[in-house]
C-alpha cells in the first residue's frame, strides 16, 4: 500500500490470486498498523 504496488504484484507477493479475497485482506490490513 505504501509503495502503491500493482494488483499483479500484490497477487504474486501474497500468493492470493482471487480479486475478492485480495480485496478483503486489504481491508483487514487497514485495521492494523505496520508496527502492530
ModelCIF file with pLDDT and N, C-alpha, C, O atoms, coordinates in Angstrom:
data_MODEL
#
_entry.id   MODEL 
#
_entity.id                         1 
_entity.type                       polymer 
_entity.pdbx_number_of_molecules   1 
#
_entity_poly.entity_id                      1 
_entity_poly.type                           'polypeptide(L)' 
_entity_poly.nstd_linkage                   no 
_entity_poly.nstd_monomer                   no 
_entity_poly.pdbx_seq_one_letter_code       
;(UNK)(UNK)(UNK)(UNK)(UNK)(UNK)(UNK)(UNK)(UNK)(UNK)(UNK)(UNK)(UNK)(UNK)(UNK)(UNK)
(UNK)(UNK)(UNK)(UNK)(UNK)(UNK)(UNK)(UNK)(UNK)(UNK)(UNK)(UNK)(UNK)(UNK)(UNK)(UNK)
(UNK)(UNK)(UNK)(UNK)
;
_entity_poly.pdbx_seq_one_letter_code_can   XXXXXXXXXXXXXXXXXXXXXXXXXXXXXXXXXXXX 
_entity_poly.pdbx_strand_id                 A 
#
loop_
_entity_poly_seq.entity_id 
_entity_poly_seq.num 
_entity_poly_seq.mon_id 
_entity_poly_seq.hetero 
1 1  UNK n 
1 2  UNK n 
1 3  UNK n 
1 4  UNK n 
1 5  UNK n 
1 6  UNK n 
1 7  UNK n 
1 8  UNK n 
1 9  UNK n 
1 10 UNK n 
1 11 UNK n 
1 12 UNK n 
1 13 UNK n 
1 14 UNK n 
1 15 UNK n 
1 16 UNK n 
1 17 UNK n 
1 18 UNK n 
1 19 UNK n 
1 20 UNK n 
1 21 UNK n 
1 22 UNK n 
1 23 UNK n 
1 24 UNK n 
1 25 UNK n 
1 26 UNK n 
1 27 UNK n 
1 28 UNK n 
1 29 UNK n 
1 30 UNK n 
1 31 UNK n 
1 32 UNK n 
1 33 UNK n 
1 34 UNK n 
1 35 UNK n 
1 36 UNK n 
#
_struct_asym.id          A 
_struct_asym.entity_id   1 
#
loop_
_ma_qa_metric.id 
_ma_qa_metric.mode 
_ma_qa_metric.name 
_ma_qa_metric.software_group_id 
_ma_qa_metric.type 
1 global pLDDT . pLDDT 
2 local  pLDDT . pLDDT 
#
_ma_qa_metric_global.metric_id      1 
_ma_qa_metric_global.metric_value   87.39 
_ma_qa_metric_global.model_id       1 
_ma_qa_metric_global.ordinal_id     1 
#
loop_
_ma_qa_metric_local.label_asym_id 
_ma_qa_metric_local.label_comp_id 
_ma_qa_metric_local.label_seq_id 
_ma_qa_metric_local.metric_id 
_ma_qa_metric_local.metric_value 
_ma_qa_metric_local.model_id 
_ma_qa_metric_local.ordinal_id 
A UNK 1  2 89.00 1 1  
A UNK 2  2 88.00 1 2  
A UNK 3  2 88.00 1 3  
A UNK 4  2 88.00 1 4  
A UNK 5  2 89.00 1 5  
A UNK 6  2 90.00 1 6  
A UNK 7  2 87.00 1 7  
A UNK 8  2 88.00 1 8  
A UNK 9  2 92.00 1 9  
A UNK 10 2 91.00 1 10 
A UNK 11 2 88.00 1 11 
A UNK 12 2 90.00 1 12 
A UNK 13 2 92.00 1 13 
A UNK 14 2 90.00 1 14 
A UNK 15 2 85.00 1 15 
A UNK 16 2 82.00 1 16 
A UNK 17 2 77.00 1 17 
A UNK 18 2 76.00 1 18 
A UNK 19 2 80.00 1 19 
A UNK 20 2 79.00 1 20 
A UNK 21 2 81.00 1 21 
A UNK 22 2 85.00 1 22 
A UNK 23 2 86.00 1 23 
A UNK 24 2 85.00 1 24 
A UNK 25 2 89.00 1 25 
A UNK 26 2 91.00 1 26 
A UNK 27 2 89.00 1 27 
A UNK 28 2 89.00 1 28 
A UNK 29 2 90.00 1 29 
A UNK 30 2 90.00 1 30 
A UNK 31 2 89.00 1 31 
A UNK 32 2 90.00 1 32 
A UNK 33 2 90.00 1 33 
A UNK 34 2 91.00 1 34 
A UNK 35 2 91.00 1 35 
A UNK 36 2 91.00 1 36 
#
loop_
_atom_site.group_PDB 
_atom_site.id 
_atom_site.type_symbol 
_atom_site.label_atom_id 
_atom_site.label_alt_id 
_atom_site.label_comp_id 
_atom_site.label_asym_id 
_atom_site.label_entity_id 
_atom_site.label_seq_id 
_atom_site.pdbx_PDB_ins_code 
_atom_site.Cartn_x 
_atom_site.Cartn_y 
_atom_site.Cartn_z 
_atom_site.occupancy 
_atom_site.B_iso_or_equiv 
_atom_site.pdbx_formal_charge 
_atom_site.auth_seq_id 
_atom_site.auth_comp_id 
_atom_site.auth_asym_id 
_atom_site.auth_atom_id 
_atom_site.pdbx_PDB_model_num 
ATOM 1   N N  . UNK A 1 1  ? 0.847   -1.202  0.000   1.00 89.00 ? 1  UNK A N  1 
ATOM 2   C CA . UNK A 1 1  ? 0.000   0.000   0.000   1.00 89.00 ? 1  UNK A CA 1 
ATOM 3   C C  . UNK A 1 1  ? 0.877   1.245   0.000   1.00 89.00 ? 1  UNK A C  1 
ATOM 4   O O  . UNK A 1 1  ? 0.633   2.200   -0.738  1.00 89.00 ? 1  UNK A O  1 
ATOM 5   N N  . UNK A 1 2  ? 1.894   1.211   0.837   1.00 88.00 ? 2  UNK A N  1 
ATOM 6   C CA . UNK A 1 2  ? 2.811   2.344   0.938   1.00 88.00 ? 2  UNK A CA 1 
ATOM 7   C C  . UNK A 1 2  ? 3.542   2.591   -0.381  1.00 88.00 ? 2  UNK A C  1 
ATOM 8   O O  . UNK A 1 2  ? 3.800   3.732   -0.761  1.00 88.00 ? 2  UNK A O  1 
ATOM 9   N N  . UNK A 1 3  ? 3.869   1.492   -1.069  1.00 88.00 ? 3  UNK A N  1 
ATOM 10  C CA . UNK A 1 3  ? 4.627   1.603   -2.321  1.00 88.00 ? 3  UNK A CA 1 
ATOM 11  C C  . UNK A 1 3  ? 3.732   1.701   -3.554  1.00 88.00 ? 3  UNK A C  1 
ATOM 12  O O  . UNK A 1 3  ? 4.232   1.760   -4.678  1.00 88.00 ? 3  UNK A O  1 
ATOM 13  N N  . UNK A 1 4  ? 2.399   1.717   -3.351  1.00 88.00 ? 4  UNK A N  1 
ATOM 14  C CA . UNK A 1 4  ? 1.430   1.792   -4.449  1.00 88.00 ? 4  UNK A CA 1 
ATOM 15  C C  . UNK A 1 4  ? 1.655   0.679   -5.487  1.00 88.00 ? 4  UNK A C  1 
ATOM 16  O O  . UNK A 1 4  ? 1.651   0.923   -6.693  1.00 88.00 ? 4  UNK A O  1 
ATOM 17  N N  . UNK A 1 5  ? 1.849   -0.539  -4.986  1.00 89.00 ? 5  UNK A N  1 
ATOM 18  C CA . UNK A 1 5  ? 2.107   -1.685  -5.861  1.00 89.00 ? 5  UNK A CA 1 
ATOM 19  C C  . UNK A 1 5  ? 0.875   -2.035  -6.689  1.00 89.00 ? 5  UNK A C  1 
ATOM 20  O O  . UNK A 1 5  ? -0.256  -1.776  -6.278  1.00 89.00 ? 5  UNK A O  1 
ATOM 21  N N  . UNK A 1 6  ? 1.105   -2.623  -7.854  1.00 90.00 ? 6  UNK A N  1 
ATOM 22  C CA . UNK A 1 6  ? 0.006   -3.018  -8.733  1.00 90.00 ? 6  UNK A CA 1 
ATOM 23  C C  . UNK A 1 6  ? -0.696  -4.257  -8.181  1.00 90.00 ? 6  UNK A C  1 
ATOM 24  O O  . UNK A 1 6  ? -0.172  -4.946  -7.305  1.00 90.00 ? 6  UNK A O  1 
ATOM 25  N N  . UNK A 1 7  ? -1.888  -4.525  -8.708  1.00 87.00 ? 7  UNK A N  1 
ATOM 26  C CA . UNK A 1 7  ? -2.651  -5.705  -8.283  1.00 87.00 ? 7  UNK A CA 1 
ATOM 27  C C  . UNK A 1 7  ? -1.885  -6.983  -8.595  1.00 87.00 ? 7  UNK A C  1 
ATOM 28  O O  . UNK A 1 7  ? -1.892  -7.920  -7.796  1.00 87.00 ? 7  UNK A O  1 
ATOM 29  N N  . UNK A 1 8  ? -1.221  -7.033  -9.756  1.00 88.00 ? 8  UNK A N  1 
ATOM 30  C CA . UNK A 1 8  ? -0.453  -8.226  -10.130 1.00 88.00 ? 8  UNK A CA 1 
ATOM 31  C C  . UNK A 1 8  ? 0.686   -8.472  -9.143  1.00 88.00 ? 8  UNK A C  1 
ATOM 32  O O  . UNK A 1 8  ? 0.958   -9.615  -8.777  1.00 88.00 ? 8  UNK A O  1 
ATOM 33  N N  . UNK A 1 9  ? 1.348   -7.400  -8.713  1.00 92.00 ? 9  UNK A N  1 
ATOM 34  C CA . UNK A 1 9  ? 2.438   -7.530  -7.747  1.00 92.00 ? 9  UNK A CA 1 
ATOM 35  C C  . UNK A 1 9  ? 1.904   -8.038  -6.413  1.00 92.00 ? 9  UNK A C  1 
ATOM 36  O O  . UNK A 1 9  ? 2.520   -8.895  -5.780  1.00 92.00 ? 9  UNK A O  1 
ATOM 37  N N  . UNK A 1 10 ? 0.753   -7.507  -5.985  1.00 91.00 ? 10 UNK A N  1 
ATOM 38  C CA . UNK A 1 10 ? 0.144   -7.948  -4.731  1.00 91.00 ? 10 UNK A CA 1 
ATOM 39  C C  . UNK A 1 10 ? -0.198  -9.436  -4.777  1.00 91.00 ? 10 UNK A C  1 
ATOM 40  O O  . UNK A 1 10 ? 0.016   -10.159 -3.803  1.00 91.00 ? 10 UNK A O  1 
ATOM 41  N N  . UNK A 1 11 ? -0.725  -9.885  -5.901  1.00 88.00 ? 11 UNK A N  1 
ATOM 42  C CA . UNK A 1 11 ? -1.079  -11.304 -6.047  1.00 88.00 ? 11 UNK A CA 1 
ATOM 43  C C  . UNK A 1 11 ? 0.172   -12.175 -6.009  1.00 88.00 ? 11 UNK A C  1 
ATOM 44  O O  . UNK A 1 11 ? 0.198   -13.224 -5.365  1.00 88.00 ? 11 UNK A O  1 
ATOM 45  N N  . UNK A 1 12 ? 1.211   -11.718 -6.713  1.00 90.00 ? 12 UNK A N  1 
ATOM 46  C CA . UNK A 1 12 ? 2.438   -12.519 -6.783  1.00 90.00 ? 12 UNK A CA 1 
ATOM 47  C C  . UNK A 1 12 ? 3.107   -12.618 -5.417  1.00 90.00 ? 12 UNK A C  1 
ATOM 48  O O  . UNK A 1 12 ? 3.538   -13.699 -5.018  1.00 90.00 ? 12 UNK A O  1 
ATOM 49  N N  . UNK A 1 13 ? 3.198   -11.504 -4.698  1.00 92.00 ? 13 UNK A N  1 
ATOM 50  C CA . UNK A 1 13 ? 3.882   -11.480 -3.408  1.00 92.00 ? 13 UNK A CA 1 
ATOM 51  C C  . UNK A 1 13 ? 3.107   -12.255 -2.343  1.00 92.00 ? 13 UNK A C  1 
ATOM 52  O O  . UNK A 1 13 ? 3.692   -13.032 -1.589  1.00 92.00 ? 13 UNK A O  1 
ATOM 53  N N  . UNK A 1 14 ? 1.796   -12.044 -2.282  1.00 90.00 ? 14 UNK A N  1 
ATOM 54  C CA . UNK A 1 14 ? 0.995   -12.692 -1.231  1.00 90.00 ? 14 UNK A CA 1 
ATOM 55  C C  . UNK A 1 14 ? 0.585   -14.113 -1.582  1.00 90.00 ? 14 UNK A C  1 
ATOM 56  O O  . UNK A 1 14 ? 0.292   -14.912 -0.693  1.00 90.00 ? 14 UNK A O  1 
ATOM 57  N N  . UNK A 1 15 ? 0.560   -14.438 -2.888  1.00 85.00 ? 15 UNK A N  1 
ATOM 58  C CA . UNK A 1 15 ? 0.078   -15.754 -3.306  1.00 85.00 ? 15 UNK A CA 1 
ATOM 59  C C  . UNK A 1 15 ? -1.429  -15.847 -3.330  1.00 85.00 ? 15 UNK A C  1 
ATOM 60  O O  . UNK A 1 15 ? -1.972  -16.937 -3.510  1.00 85.00 ? 15 UNK A O  1 
ATOM 61  N N  . UNK A 1 16 ? -2.139  -14.709 -3.149  1.00 82.00 ? 16 UNK A N  1 
ATOM 62  C CA . UNK A 1 16 ? -3.609  -14.677 -3.174  1.00 82.00 ? 16 UNK A CA 1 
ATOM 63  C C  . UNK A 1 16 ? -4.036  -14.236 -4.565  1.00 82.00 ? 16 UNK A C  1 
ATOM 64  O O  . UNK A 1 16 ? -3.811  -13.089 -4.952  1.00 82.00 ? 16 UNK A O  1 
ATOM 65  N N  . UNK A 1 17 ? -4.653  -15.146 -5.320  1.00 77.00 ? 17 UNK A N  1 
ATOM 66  C CA . UNK A 1 17 ? -4.962  -14.852 -6.728  1.00 77.00 ? 17 UNK A CA 1 
ATOM 67  C C  . UNK A 1 17 ? -6.382  -14.354 -6.950  1.00 77.00 ? 17 UNK A C  1 
ATOM 68  O O  . UNK A 1 17 ? -6.685  -13.777 -7.994  1.00 77.00 ? 17 UNK A O  1 
ATOM 69  N N  . UNK A 1 18 ? -7.241  -14.575 -5.982  1.00 76.00 ? 18 UNK A N  1 
ATOM 70  C CA . UNK A 1 18 ? -8.639  -14.177 -6.122  1.00 76.00 ? 18 UNK A CA 1 
ATOM 71  C C  . UNK A 1 18 ? -8.800  -12.693 -5.798  1.00 76.00 ? 18 UNK A C  1 
ATOM 72  O O  . UNK A 1 18 ? -8.408  -12.253 -4.717  1.00 76.00 ? 18 UNK A O  1 
ATOM 73  N N  . UNK A 1 19 ? -9.375  -11.913 -6.726  1.00 80.00 ? 19 UNK A N  1 
ATOM 74  C CA . UNK A 1 19 ? -9.519  -10.464 -6.540  1.00 80.00 ? 19 UNK A CA 1 
ATOM 75  C C  . UNK A 1 19 ? -10.352 -10.136 -5.312  1.00 80.00 ? 19 UNK A C  1 
ATOM 76  O O  . UNK A 1 19 ? -10.009 -9.240  -4.541  1.00 80.00 ? 19 UNK A O  1 
ATOM 77  N N  . UNK A 1 20 ? -11.444 -10.864 -5.134  1.00 79.00 ? 20 UNK A N  1 
ATOM 78  C CA . UNK A 1 20 ? -12.316 -10.610 -3.993  1.00 79.00 ? 20 UNK A CA 1 
ATOM 79  C C  . UNK A 1 20 ? -11.584 -10.886 -2.689  1.00 79.00 ? 20 UNK A C  1 
ATOM 80  O O  . UNK A 1 20 ? -11.636 -10.074 -1.765  1.00 79.00 ? 20 UNK A O  1 
ATOM 81  N N  . UNK A 1 21 ? -10.901 -12.027 -2.604  1.00 81.00 ? 21 UNK A N  1 
ATOM 82  C CA . UNK A 1 21 ? -10.169 -12.381 -1.388  1.00 81.00 ? 21 UNK A CA 1 
ATOM 83  C C  . UNK A 1 21 ? -9.056  -11.375 -1.115  1.00 81.00 ? 21 UNK A C  1 
ATOM 84  O O  . UNK A 1 21 ? -8.824  -10.993 0.032   1.00 81.00 ? 21 UNK A O  1 
ATOM 85  N N  . UNK A 1 22 ? -8.368  -10.949 -2.177  1.00 85.00 ? 22 UNK A N  1 
ATOM 86  C CA . UNK A 1 22 ? -7.302  -9.970  -2.010  1.00 85.00 ? 22 UNK A CA 1 
ATOM 87  C C  . UNK A 1 22 ? -7.862  -8.636  -1.500  1.00 85.00 ? 22 UNK A C  1 
ATOM 88  O O  . UNK A 1 22 ? -7.249  -7.970  -0.666  1.00 85.00 ? 22 UNK A O  1 
ATOM 89  N N  . UNK A 1 23 ? -9.030  -8.264  -2.013  1.00 86.00 ? 23 UNK A N  1 
ATOM 90  C CA . UNK A 1 23 ? -9.682  -7.045  -1.554  1.00 86.00 ? 23 UNK A CA 1 
ATOM 91  C C  . UNK A 1 23 ? -10.068 -7.125  -0.083  1.00 86.00 ? 23 UNK A C  1 
ATOM 92  O O  . UNK A 1 23 ? -9.904  -6.160  0.663   1.00 86.00 ? 23 UNK A O  1 
ATOM 93  N N  . UNK A 1 24 ? -10.582 -8.283  0.330   1.00 85.00 ? 24 UNK A N  1 
ATOM 94  C CA . UNK A 1 24 ? -10.958 -8.470  1.730   1.00 85.00 ? 24 UNK A CA 1 
ATOM 95  C C  . UNK A 1 24 ? -9.725  -8.386  2.634   1.00 85.00 ? 24 UNK A C  1 
ATOM 96  O O  . UNK A 1 24 ? -9.758  -7.744  3.684   1.00 85.00 ? 24 UNK A O  1 
ATOM 97  N N  . UNK A 1 25 ? -8.642  -9.037  2.218   1.00 89.00 ? 25 UNK A N  1 
ATOM 98  C CA . UNK A 1 25 ? -7.416  -9.000  3.018   1.00 89.00 ? 25 UNK A CA 1 
ATOM 99  C C  . UNK A 1 25 ? -6.861  -7.576  3.099   1.00 89.00 ? 25 UNK A C  1 
ATOM 100 O O  . UNK A 1 25 ? -6.342  -7.161  4.135   1.00 89.00 ? 25 UNK A O  1 
ATOM 101 N N  . UNK A 1 26 ? -6.975  -6.840  2.001   1.00 91.00 ? 26 UNK A N  1 
ATOM 102 C CA . UNK A 1 26 ? -6.523  -5.442  2.006   1.00 91.00 ? 26 UNK A CA 1 
ATOM 103 C C  . UNK A 1 26 ? -7.337  -4.633  3.019   1.00 91.00 ? 26 UNK A C  1 
ATOM 104 O O  . UNK A 1 26 ? -6.803  -3.762  3.705   1.00 91.00 ? 26 UNK A O  1 
ATOM 105 N N  . UNK A 1 27 ? -8.638  -4.933  3.104   1.00 89.00 ? 27 UNK A N  1 
ATOM 106 C CA . UNK A 1 27 ? -9.487  -4.279  4.105   1.00 89.00 ? 27 UNK A CA 1 
ATOM 107 C C  . UNK A 1 27 ? -9.075  -4.648  5.518   1.00 89.00 ? 27 UNK A C  1 
ATOM 108 O O  . UNK A 1 27 ? -9.055  -3.793  6.403   1.00 89.00 ? 27 UNK A O  1 
ATOM 109 N N  . UNK A 1 28 ? -8.740  -5.931  5.741   1.00 89.00 ? 28 UNK A N  1 
ATOM 110 C CA . UNK A 1 28 ? -8.274  -6.358  7.061   1.00 89.00 ? 28 UNK A CA 1 
ATOM 111 C C  . UNK A 1 28 ? -6.983  -5.628  7.426   1.00 89.00 ? 28 UNK A C  1 
ATOM 112 O O  . UNK A 1 28 ? -6.805  -5.188  8.561   1.00 89.00 ? 28 UNK A O  1 
ATOM 113 N N  . UNK A 1 29 ? -6.078  -5.507  6.436   1.00 90.00 ? 29 UNK A N  1 
ATOM 114 C CA . UNK A 1 29 ? -4.763  -4.898  6.682   1.00 90.00 ? 29 UNK A CA 1 
ATOM 115 C C  . UNK A 1 29 ? -4.897  -3.462  7.173   1.00 90.00 ? 29 UNK A C  1 
ATOM 116 O O  . UNK A 1 29 ? -4.079  -2.995  7.966   1.00 90.00 ? 29 UNK A O  1 
ATOM 117 N N  . UNK A 1 30 ? -5.921  -2.764  6.706   1.00 90.00 ? 30 UNK A N  1 
ATOM 118 C CA . UNK A 1 30 ? -6.126  -1.367  7.105   1.00 90.00 ? 30 UNK A CA 1 
ATOM 119 C C  . UNK A 1 30 ? -6.480  -1.240  8.587   1.00 90.00 ? 30 UNK A C  1 
ATOM 120 O O  . UNK A 1 30 ? -6.371  -0.155  9.158   1.00 90.00 ? 30 UNK A O  1 
ATOM 121 N N  . UNK A 1 31 ? -6.900  -2.333  9.208   1.00 89.00 ? 31 UNK A N  1 
ATOM 122 C CA . UNK A 1 31 ? -7.274  -2.301  10.621  1.00 89.00 ? 31 UNK A CA 1 
ATOM 123 C C  . UNK A 1 31 ? -6.083  -2.564  11.550  1.00 89.00 ? 31 UNK A C  1 
ATOM 124 O O  . UNK A 1 31 ? -6.231  -2.601  12.771  1.00 89.00 ? 31 UNK A O  1 
ATOM 125 N N  . UNK A 1 32 ? -4.901  -2.746  10.951  1.00 90.00 ? 32 UNK A N  1 
ATOM 126 C CA . UNK A 1 32 ? -3.675  -2.933  11.713  1.00 90.00 ? 32 UNK A CA 1 
ATOM 127 C C  . UNK A 1 32 ? -2.648  -1.895  11.258  1.00 90.00 ? 32 UNK A C  1 
ATOM 128 O O  . UNK A 1 32 ? -2.687  -1.433  10.117  1.00 90.00 ? 32 UNK A O  1 
ATOM 129 N N  . UNK A 1 33 ? -1.746  -1.537  12.144  1.00 90.00 ? 33 UNK A N  1 
ATOM 130 C CA . UNK A 1 33 ? -0.596  -0.729  11.738  1.00 90.00 ? 33 UNK A CA 1 
ATOM 131 C C  . UNK A 1 33 ? 0.530   -1.674  11.319  1.00 90.00 ? 33 UNK A C  1 
ATOM 132 O O  . UNK A 1 33 ? 0.534   -2.848  11.692  1.00 90.00 ? 33 UNK A O  1 
ATOM 133 N N  . UNK A 1 34 ? 1.478   -1.160  10.547  1.00 91.00 ? 34 UNK A N  1 
ATOM 134 C CA . UNK A 1 34 ? 2.627   -1.979  10.139  1.00 91.00 ? 34 UNK A CA 1 
ATOM 135 C C  . UNK A 1 34 ? 3.401   -2.443  11.373  1.00 91.00 ? 34 UNK A C  1 
ATOM 136 O O  . UNK A 1 34 ? 3.849   -3.588  11.439  1.00 91.00 ? 34 UNK A O  1 
ATOM 137 N N  . UNK A 1 35 ? 3.553   -1.546  12.346  1.00 91.00 ? 35 UNK A N  1 
ATOM 138 C CA . UNK A 1 35 ? 4.288   -1.894  13.563  1.00 91.00 ? 35 UNK A CA 1 
ATOM 139 C C  . UNK A 1 35 ? 3.578   -3.008  14.327  1.00 91.00 ? 35 UNK A C  1 
ATOM 140 O O  . UNK A 1 35 ? 4.213   -3.910  14.874  1.00 91.00 ? 35 UNK A O  1 
ATOM 141 N N  . UNK A 1 36 ? 2.261   -2.929  14.353  1.00 91.00 ? 36 UNK A N  1 
ATOM 142 C CA . UNK A 1 36 ? 1.465   -3.945  15.050  1.00 91.00 ? 36 UNK A CA 1 
ATOM 143 C C  . UNK A 1 36 ? 1.625   -5.311  14.392  1.00 91.00 ? 36 UNK A C  1 
ATOM 144 O O  . UNK A 1 36 ? 1.028   -6.288  14.845  1.00 91.00 ? 36 UNK A O  1 
#
